Amino acid sequence: MTNETPIDEVPVGDETIRLGQFVKFAGLLDSGGDVKEAIVNGDVTVNGEVDRRRGRQLQRGDIVSVEGHTVRVGG
């Protein structure tokens, strides 16, 4: 048995989605301006690593974290 926190899965319609789009779509941040600022400041991680590219293509199964909230890109 592990003590891992359950990760919510956010389904996306397409095979891929851009990081900036996903952060807003998943409800991790409310506005596009907040999303841009968080990504530029290094407050967003993808699979445990900081990524400062709003246009990064996410794949199903990628784990995105912002301000203590973590979600998985779902299908």
PDB file of N, CA and C in Angstrom:
ATOM      1  N   MET A   1       0.836  -1.176   0.000  1.00  0.00           N
ATOM      2  CA  MET A   1       0.000   0.000   0.000  1.00  0.00           C
ATOM      3  C   MET A   1       0.880   1.239   0.000  1.00  0.00           C
ATOM      4  N   THR A   2       0.517   2.229  -0.838  1.00  0.00           N
ATOM      5  CA  THR A   2       1.310   3.445  -0.918  1.00  0.00           C
ATOM      6  C   THR A   2       0.545   4.604  -0.321  1.00  0.00           C
ATOM      7  N   ASN A   3       1.268   5.683  -0.020  1.00  0.00           N
ATOM      8  CA  ASN A   3       0.664   6.888   0.521  1.00  0.00           C
ATOM      9  C   ASN A   3       0.561   7.965  -0.535  1.00  0.00           C
ATOM     10  N   GLU A   4       0.511   7.591  -1.803  1.00  0.00           N
ATOM     11  CA  GLU A   4       0.448   8.570  -2.877  1.00  0.00           C
ATOM     12  C   GLU A   4      -0.916   9.253  -2.891  1.00  0.00           C
ATOM     13  N   THR A   5      -0.910  10.549  -3.202  1.00  0.00           N
ATOM     14  CA  THR A   5      -2.145  11.293  -3.350  1.00  0.00           C
ATOM     15  C   THR A   5      -2.770  10.918  -4.687  1.00  0.00           C
ATOM     16  N   PRO A   6      -4.069  10.637  -4.710  1.00  0.00           N
ATOM     17  CA  PRO A   6      -4.702  10.317  -5.989  1.00  0.00           C
ATOM     18  C   PRO A   6      -4.586  11.492  -6.954  1.00  0.00           C
ATOM     19  N   ILE A   7      -4.389  11.190  -8.209  1.00  0.00           N
ATOM     20  CA  ILE A   7      -4.262  12.226  -9.230  1.00  0.00           C
ATOM     21  C   ILE A   7      -5.521  12.210 -10.078  1.00  0.00           C
ATOM     22  N   ASP A   8      -6.149  13.380 -10.213  1.00  0.00           N
ATOM     23  CA  ASP A   8      -7.323  13.493 -11.079  1.00  0.00           C
ATOM     24  C   ASP A   8      -6.887  13.379 -12.526  1.00  0.00           C
ATOM     25  N   GLU A   9      -7.753  12.814 -13.335  1.00  0.00           N
ATOM     26  CA  GLU A   9      -7.483  12.707 -14.762  1.00  0.00           C
ATOM     27  C   GLU A   9      -8.437  13.631 -15.500  1.00  0.00           C
ATOM     28  N   VAL A  10      -7.879  14.446 -16.400  1.00  0.00           N
ATOM     29  CA  VAL A  10      -8.684  15.376 -17.192  1.00  0.00           C
ATOM     30  C   VAL A  10      -8.667  14.887 -18.636  1.00  0.00           C
ATOM     31  N   PRO A  11      -9.806  14.387 -19.125  1.00  0.00           N
ATOM     32  CA  PRO A  11      -9.841  13.885 -20.493  1.00  0.00           C
ATOM     33  C   PRO A  11      -9.760  15.023 -21.513  1.00  0.00           C
ATOM     34  N   VAL A  12      -9.000  14.790 -22.565  1.00  0.00           N
ATOM     35  CA  VAL A  12      -8.897  15.738 -23.673  1.00  0.00           C
ATOM     36  C   VAL A  12      -9.402  15.043 -24.920  1.00  0.00           C
ATOM     37  N   GLY A  13      -9.990  15.797 -25.818  1.00  0.00           N
ATOM     38  CA  GLY A  13     -10.593  15.200 -27.007  1.00  0.00           C
ATOM     39  C   GLY A  13      -9.586  14.727 -28.030  1.00  0.00           C
ATOM     40  N   ASP A  14      -8.477  15.440 -28.167  1.00  0.00           N
ATOM     41  CA  ASP A  14      -7.490  15.112 -29.179  1.00  0.00           C
ATOM     42  C   ASP A  14      -6.382  14.249 -28.592  1.00  0.00           C
ATOM     43  N   GLU A  15      -5.535  13.773 -29.474  1.00  0.00           N
ATOM     44  CA  GLU A  15      -4.386  12.964 -29.062  1.00  0.00           C
ATOM     45  C   GLU A  15      -3.398  13.797 -28.250  1.00  0.00           C
ATOM     46  N   THR A  16      -3.239  15.080 -28.628  1.00  0.00           N
ATOM     47  CA  THR A  16      -2.316  15.971 -27.923  1.00  0.00           C
ATOM     48  C   THR A  16      -3.015  17.287 -27.611  1.00  0.00           C
ATOM     49  N   ILE A  17      -2.445  18.034 -26.655  1.00  0.00           N
ATOM     50  CA  ILE A  17      -2.921  19.371 -26.290  1.00  0.00           C
ATOM     51  C   ILE A  17      -1.715  20.163 -25.818  1.00  0.00           C
ATOM     52  N   ARG A  18      -1.724  21.444 -26.064  1.00  0.00           N
ATOM     53  CA  ARG A  18      -0.606  22.296 -25.636  1.00  0.00           C
ATOM     54  C   ARG A  18      -0.692  22.555 -24.135  1.00  0.00           C
ATOM     55  N   LEU A  19       0.466  22.723 -23.525  1.00  0.00           N
ATOM     56  CA  LEU A  19       0.556  22.921 -22.080  1.00  0.00           C
ATOM     57  C   LEU A  19      -0.308  24.085 -21.615  1.00  0.00           C
ATOM     58  N   GLY A  20      -0.169  25.245 -22.243  1.00  0.00           N
ATOM     59  CA  GLY A  20      -0.944  26.412 -21.830  1.00  0.00           C
ATOM     60  C   GLY A  20      -2.440  26.171 -21.918  1.00  0.00           C
ATOM     61  N   GLN A  21      -2.870  25.523 -22.981  1.00  0.00           N
ATOM     62  CA  GLN A  21      -4.289  25.209 -23.150  1.00  0.00           C
ATOM     63  C   GLN A  21      -4.768  24.250 -22.063  1.00  0.00           C
ATOM     64  N   PHE A  22      -3.944  23.250 -21.782  1.00  0.00           N
ATOM     65  CA  PHE A  22      -4.337  22.232 -20.814  1.00  0.00           C
ATOM     66  C   PHE A  22      -4.466  22.808 -19.412  1.00  0.00           C
ATOM     67  N   VAL A  23      -3.527  23.663 -19.017  1.00  0.00           N
ATOM     68  CA  VAL A  23      -3.565  24.237 -17.664  1.00  0.00           C
ATOM     69  C   VAL A  23      -4.880  24.992 -17.456  1.00  0.00           C
ATOM     70  N   LYS A  24      -5.299  25.755 -18.447  1.00  0.00           N
ATOM     71  CA  LYS A  24      -6.561  26.494 -18.337  1.00  0.00           C
ATOM     72  C   LYS A  24      -7.752  25.542 -18.445  1.00  0.00           C
ATOM     73  N   PHE A  25      -7.739  24.625 -19.414  1.00  0.00           N
ATOM     74  CA  PHE A  25      -8.832  23.675 -19.619  1.00  0.00           C
ATOM     75  C   PHE A  25      -9.085  22.827 -18.373  1.00  0.00           C
ATOM     76  N   ALA A  26      -8.004  22.424 -17.700  1.00  0.00           N
ATOM     77  CA  ALA A  26      -8.114  21.573 -16.513  1.00  0.00           C
ATOM     78  C   ALA A  26      -8.567  22.354 -15.284  1.00  0.00           C
ATOM     79  N   GLY A  27      -8.633  23.693 -15.409  1.00  0.00           N
ATOM     80  CA  GLY A  27      -9.063  24.514 -14.287  1.00  0.00           C
ATOM     81  C   GLY A  27      -7.987  24.749 -13.251  1.00  0.00           C
ATOM     82  N   LEU A  28      -6.735  24.493 -13.631  1.00  0.00           N
ATOM     83  CA  LEU A  28      -5.640  24.715 -12.687  1.00  0.00           C
ATOM     84  C   LEU A  28      -5.406  26.203 -12.453  1.00  0.00           C
ATOM     85  N   LEU A  29      -5.633  27.016 -13.470  1.00  0.00           N
ATOM     86  CA  LEU A  29      -5.589  28.473 -13.370  1.00  0.00           C
ATOM     87  C   LEU A  29      -6.757  29.019 -14.182  1.00  0.00           C
ATOM     88  N   ASP A  30      -7.220  30.220 -13.816  1.00  0.00           N
ATOM     89  CA  ASP A  30      -8.446  30.756 -14.416  1.00  0.00           C
ATOM     90  C   ASP A  30      -8.254  31.514 -15.717  1.00  0.00           C
ATOM     91  N   SER A  31      -7.179  32.266 -15.832  1.00  0.00           N
ATOM     92  CA  SER A  31      -7.044  33.116 -17.020  1.00  0.00           C
ATOM     93  C   SER A  31      -5.798  32.776 -17.818  1.00  0.00           C
ATOM     94  N   GLY A  32      -5.848  33.122 -19.100  1.00  0.00           N
ATOM     95  CA  GLY A  32      -4.688  32.912 -19.956  1.00  0.00           C
ATOM     96  C   GLY A  32      -3.479  33.679 -19.469  1.00  0.00           C
ATOM     97  N   GLY A  33      -3.701  34.871 -18.909  1.00  0.00           N
ATOM     98  CA  GLY A  33      -2.594  35.662 -18.372  1.00  0.00           C
ATOM     99  C   GLY A  33      -1.923  34.974 -17.192  1.00  0.00           C
ATOM    100  N   ASP A  34      -2.748  34.394 -16.318  1.00  0.00           N
ATOM    101  CA  ASP A  34      -2.198  33.660 -15.168  1.00  0.00           C
ATOM    102  C   ASP A  34      -1.413  32.442 -15.629  1.00  0.00           C
ATOM    103  N   VAL A  35      -1.937  31.762 -16.659  1.00  0.00           N
ATOM    104  CA  VAL A  35      -1.259  30.584 -17.195  1.00  0.00           C
ATOM    105  C   VAL A  35       0.104  30.979 -17.751  1.00  0.00           C
ATOM    106  N   LYS A  36       0.137  32.024 -18.569  1.00  0.00           N
ATOM    107  CA  LYS A  36       1.398  32.479 -19.169  1.00  0.00           C
ATOM    108  C   LYS A  36       2.411  32.840 -18.089  1.00  0.00           C
ATOM    109  N   GLU A  37       1.974  33.594 -17.091  1.00  0.00           N
ATOM    110  CA  GLU A  37       2.866  34.017 -16.010  1.00  0.00           C
ATOM    111  C   GLU A  37       3.411  32.822 -15.232  1.00  0.00           C
ATOM    112  N   ALA A  38       2.545  31.876 -14.898  1.00  0.00           N
ATOM    113  CA  ALA A  38       2.973  30.700 -14.133  1.00  0.00           C
ATOM    114  C   ALA A  38       3.992  29.875 -14.908  1.00  0.00           C
ATOM    115  N   ILE A  39       3.757  29.710 -16.207  1.00  0.00           N
ATOM    116  CA  ILE A  39       4.685  28.922 -17.022  1.00  0.00           C
ATOM    117  C   ILE A  39       6.025  29.633 -17.140  1.00  0.00           C
ATOM    118  N   VAL A  40       6.006  30.931 -17.435  1.00  0.00           N
ATOM    119  CA  VAL A  40       7.249  31.705 -17.575  1.00  0.00           C
ATOM    120  C   VAL A  40       8.035  31.713 -16.265  1.00  0.00           C
ATOM    121  N   ASN A  41       7.329  31.788 -15.132  1.00  0.00           N
ATOM    122  CA  ASN A  41       7.992  31.827 -13.822  1.00  0.00           C
ATOM    123  C   ASN A  41       8.494  30.466 -13.355  1.00  0.00           C
ATOM    124  N   GLY A  42       8.190  29.404 -14.099  1.00  0.00           N
ATOM    125  CA  GLY A  42       8.648  28.070 -13.713  1.00  0.00           C
ATOM    126  C   GLY A  42       7.796  27.418 -12.649  1.00  0.00           C
ATOM    127  N   ASP A  43       6.544  27.861 -12.529  1.00  0.00           N
ATOM    128  CA  ASP A  43       5.636  27.309 -11.525  1.00  0.00           C
ATOM    129  C   ASP A  43       4.860  26.091 -12.014  1.00  0.00           C
ATOM    130  N   VAL A  44       5.087  25.686 -13.259  1.00  0.00           N
ATOM    131  CA  VAL A  44       4.377  24.550 -13.845  1.00  0.00           C
ATOM    132  C   VAL A  44       5.385  23.437 -14.121  1.00  0.00           C
ATOM    133  N   THR A  45       5.032  22.222 -13.686  1.00  0.00           N
ATOM    134  CA  THR A  45       5.890  21.083 -13.998  1.00  0.00           C
ATOM    135  C   THR A  45       5.121  20.084 -14.852  1.00  0.00           C
ATOM    136  N   VAL A  46       5.864  19.415 -15.707  1.00  0.00           N
ATOM    137  CA  VAL A  46       5.315  18.332 -16.528  1.00  0.00           C
ATOM    138  C   VAL A  46       6.163  17.098 -16.237  1.00  0.00           C
ATOM    139  N   ASN A  47       5.528  16.070 -15.745  1.00  0.00           N
ATOM    140  CA  ASN A  47       6.225  14.834 -15.379  1.00  0.00           C
ATOM    141  C   ASN A  47       7.381  15.104 -14.423  1.00  0.00           C
ATOM    142  N   GLY A  48       7.151  16.045 -13.487  1.00  0.00           N
ATOM    143  CA  GLY A  48       8.126  16.329 -12.441  1.00  0.00           C
ATOM    144  C   GLY A  48       9.213  17.316 -12.807  1.00  0.00           C
ATOM    145  N   GLU A  49       9.205  17.840 -14.029  1.00  0.00           N
ATOM    146  CA  GLU A  49      10.237  18.788 -14.460  1.00  0.00           C
ATOM    147  C   GLU A  49       9.603  20.101 -14.887  1.00  0.00           C
ATOM    148  N   VAL A  50      10.239  21.225 -14.501  1.00  0.00           N
ATOM    149  CA  VAL A  50       9.758  22.543 -14.905  1.00  0.00           C
ATOM    150  C   VAL A  50       9.818  22.649 -16.425  1.00  0.00           C
ATOM    151  N   ASP A  51       8.744  23.177 -16.998  1.00  0.00           N
ATOM    152  CA  ASP A  51       8.718  23.405 -18.448  1.00  0.00           C
ATOM    153  C   ASP A  51       8.157  24.801 -18.682  1.00  0.00           C
ATOM    154  N   ARG A  52       8.933  25.640 -19.360  1.00  0.00           N
ATOM    155  CA  ARG A  52       8.541  27.030 -19.587  1.00  0.00           C
ATOM    156  C   ARG A  52       8.006  27.264 -21.009  1.00  0.00           C
ATOM    157  N   ARG A  53       7.560  26.207 -21.677  1.00  0.00           N
ATOM    158  CA  ARG A  53       7.058  26.324 -23.049  1.00  0.00           C
ATOM    159  C   ARG A  53       5.540  26.139 -23.052  1.00  0.00           C
ATOM    160  N   ARG A  54       4.806  27.237 -23.262  1.00  0.00           N
ATOM    161  CA  ARG A  54       3.346  27.152 -23.314  1.00  0.00           C
ATOM    162  C   ARG A  54       2.882  26.236 -24.435  1.00  0.00           C
ATOM    163  N   GLY A  55       3.652  26.176 -25.505  1.00  0.00           N
ATOM    164  CA  GLY A  55       3.271  25.385 -26.665  1.00  0.00           C
ATOM    165  C   GLY A  55       3.703  23.940 -26.617  1.00  0.00           C
ATOM    166  N   ARG A  56       4.286  23.508 -25.517  1.00  0.00           N
ATOM    167  CA  ARG A  56       4.717  22.110 -25.421  1.00  0.00           C
ATOM    168  C   ARG A  56       3.521  21.193 -25.650  1.00  0.00           C
ATOM    169  N   GLN A  57       3.710  20.204 -26.484  1.00  0.00           N
ATOM    170  CA  GLN A  57       2.650  19.240 -26.769  1.00  0.00           C
ATOM    171  C   GLN A  57       2.619  18.185 -25.668  1.00  0.00           C
ATOM    172  N   LEU A  58       1.498  18.094 -24.981  1.00  0.00           N
ATOM    173  CA  LEU A  58       1.312  17.071 -23.962  1.00  0.00           C
ATOM    174  C   LEU A  58       0.688  15.843 -24.601  1.00  0.00           C
ATOM    175  N   GLN A  59       1.005  14.699 -24.049  1.00  0.00           N
ATOM    176  CA  GLN A  59       0.450  13.418 -24.506  1.00  0.00           C
ATOM    177  C   GLN A  59      -0.411  12.848 -23.377  1.00  0.00           C
ATOM    178  N   ARG A  60      -1.293  11.946 -23.725  1.00  0.00           N
ATOM    179  CA  ARG A  60      -2.064  11.249 -22.690  1.00  0.00           C
ATOM    180  C   ARG A  60      -1.107  10.575 -21.720  1.00  0.00           C
ATOM    181  N   GLY A  61      -1.416  10.709 -20.432  1.00  0.00           N
ATOM    182  CA  GLY A  61      -0.577  10.119 -19.396  1.00  0.00           C
ATOM    183  C   GLY A  61       0.402  11.094 -18.774  1.00  0.00           C
ATOM    184  N   ASP A  62       0.656  12.244 -19.425  1.00  0.00           N
ATOM    185  CA  ASP A  62       1.542  13.251 -18.833  1.00  0.00           C
ATOM    186  C   ASP A  62       0.919  13.784 -17.546  1.00  0.00           C
ATOM    187  N   ILE A  63       1.775  14.115 -16.574  1.00  0.00           N
ATOM    188  CA  ILE A  63       1.345  14.632 -15.281  1.00  0.00           C
ATOM    189  C   ILE A  63       1.736  16.105 -15.207  1.00  0.00           C
ATOM    190  N   VAL A  64       0.753  16.975 -14.958  1.00  0.00           N
ATOM    191  CA  VAL A  64       0.979  18.412 -14.904  1.00  0.00           C
ATOM    192  C   VAL A  64       0.646  18.905 -13.499  1.00  0.00           C
ATOM    193  N   SER A  65       1.556  19.698 -12.920  1.00  0.00           N
ATOM    194  CA  SER A  65       1.352  20.249 -11.579  1.00  0.00           C
ATOM    195  C   SER A  65       1.495  21.764 -11.599  1.00  0.00           C
ATOM    196  N   VAL A  66       0.576  22.425 -10.888  1.00  0.00           N
ATOM    197  CA  VAL A  66       0.586  23.877 -10.737  1.00  0.00           C
ATOM    198  C   VAL A  66       0.075  24.206  -9.344  1.00  0.00           C
ATOM    199  N   GLU A  67       0.840  24.989  -8.601  1.00  0.00           N
ATOM    200  CA  GLU A  67       0.409  25.487  -7.289  1.00  0.00           C
ATOM    201  C   GLU A  67      -0.165  24.383  -6.395  1.00  0.00           C
ATOM    202  N   GLY A  68       0.496  23.244  -6.349  1.00  0.00           N
ATOM    203  CA  GLY A  68       0.076  22.164  -5.467  1.00  0.00           C
ATOM    204  C   GLY A  68      -1.044  21.284  -5.996  1.00  0.00           C
ATOM    205  N   HIS A  69      -1.539  21.569  -7.195  1.00  0.00           N
ATOM    206  CA  HIS A  69      -2.585  20.750  -7.808  1.00  0.00           C
ATOM    207  C   HIS A  69      -1.945  19.942  -8.938  1.00  0.00           C
ATOM    208  N   THR A  70      -2.257  18.655  -8.967  1.00  0.00           N
ATOM    209  CA  THR A  70      -1.663  17.764  -9.955  1.00  0.00           C
ATOM    210  C   THR A  70      -2.758  17.012 -10.700  1.00  0.00           C
ATOM    211  N   VAL A  71      -2.660  17.003 -12.026  1.00  0.00           N
ATOM    212  CA  VAL A  71      -3.628  16.275 -12.853  1.00  0.00           C
ATOM    213  C   VAL A  71      -2.896  15.507 -13.955  1.00  0.00           C
ATOM    214  N   ARG A  72      -3.546  14.474 -14.457  1.00  0.00           N
ATOM    215  CA  ARG A  72      -3.014  13.663 -15.548  1.00  0.00           C
ATOM    216  C   ARG A  72      -3.816  13.958 -16.812  1.00  0.00           C
ATOM    217  N   VAL A  73      -3.102  14.063 -17.923  1.00  0.00           N
ATOM    218  CA  VAL A  73      -3.763  14.224 -19.215  1.00  0.00           C
ATOM    219  C   VAL A  73      -4.414  12.883 -19.559  1.00  0.00           C
ATOM    220  N   GLY A  74      -5.725  12.910 -19.724  1.00  0.00           N
ATOM    221  CA  GLY A  74      -6.452  11.669 -19.971  1.00  0.00           C
ATOM    222  C   GLY A  74      -6.967  11.563 -21.387  1.00  0.00           C
ATOM    223  N   GLY A  75      -7.572  10.437 -21.662  1.00  0.00           N
ATOM    224  CA  GLY A  75      -8.088  10.156 -22.997  1.00  0.00           C
ATOM    225  C   GLY A  75      -9.534  10.193 -23.104  1.00  0.00           C
TER     226      GLY A  75
END
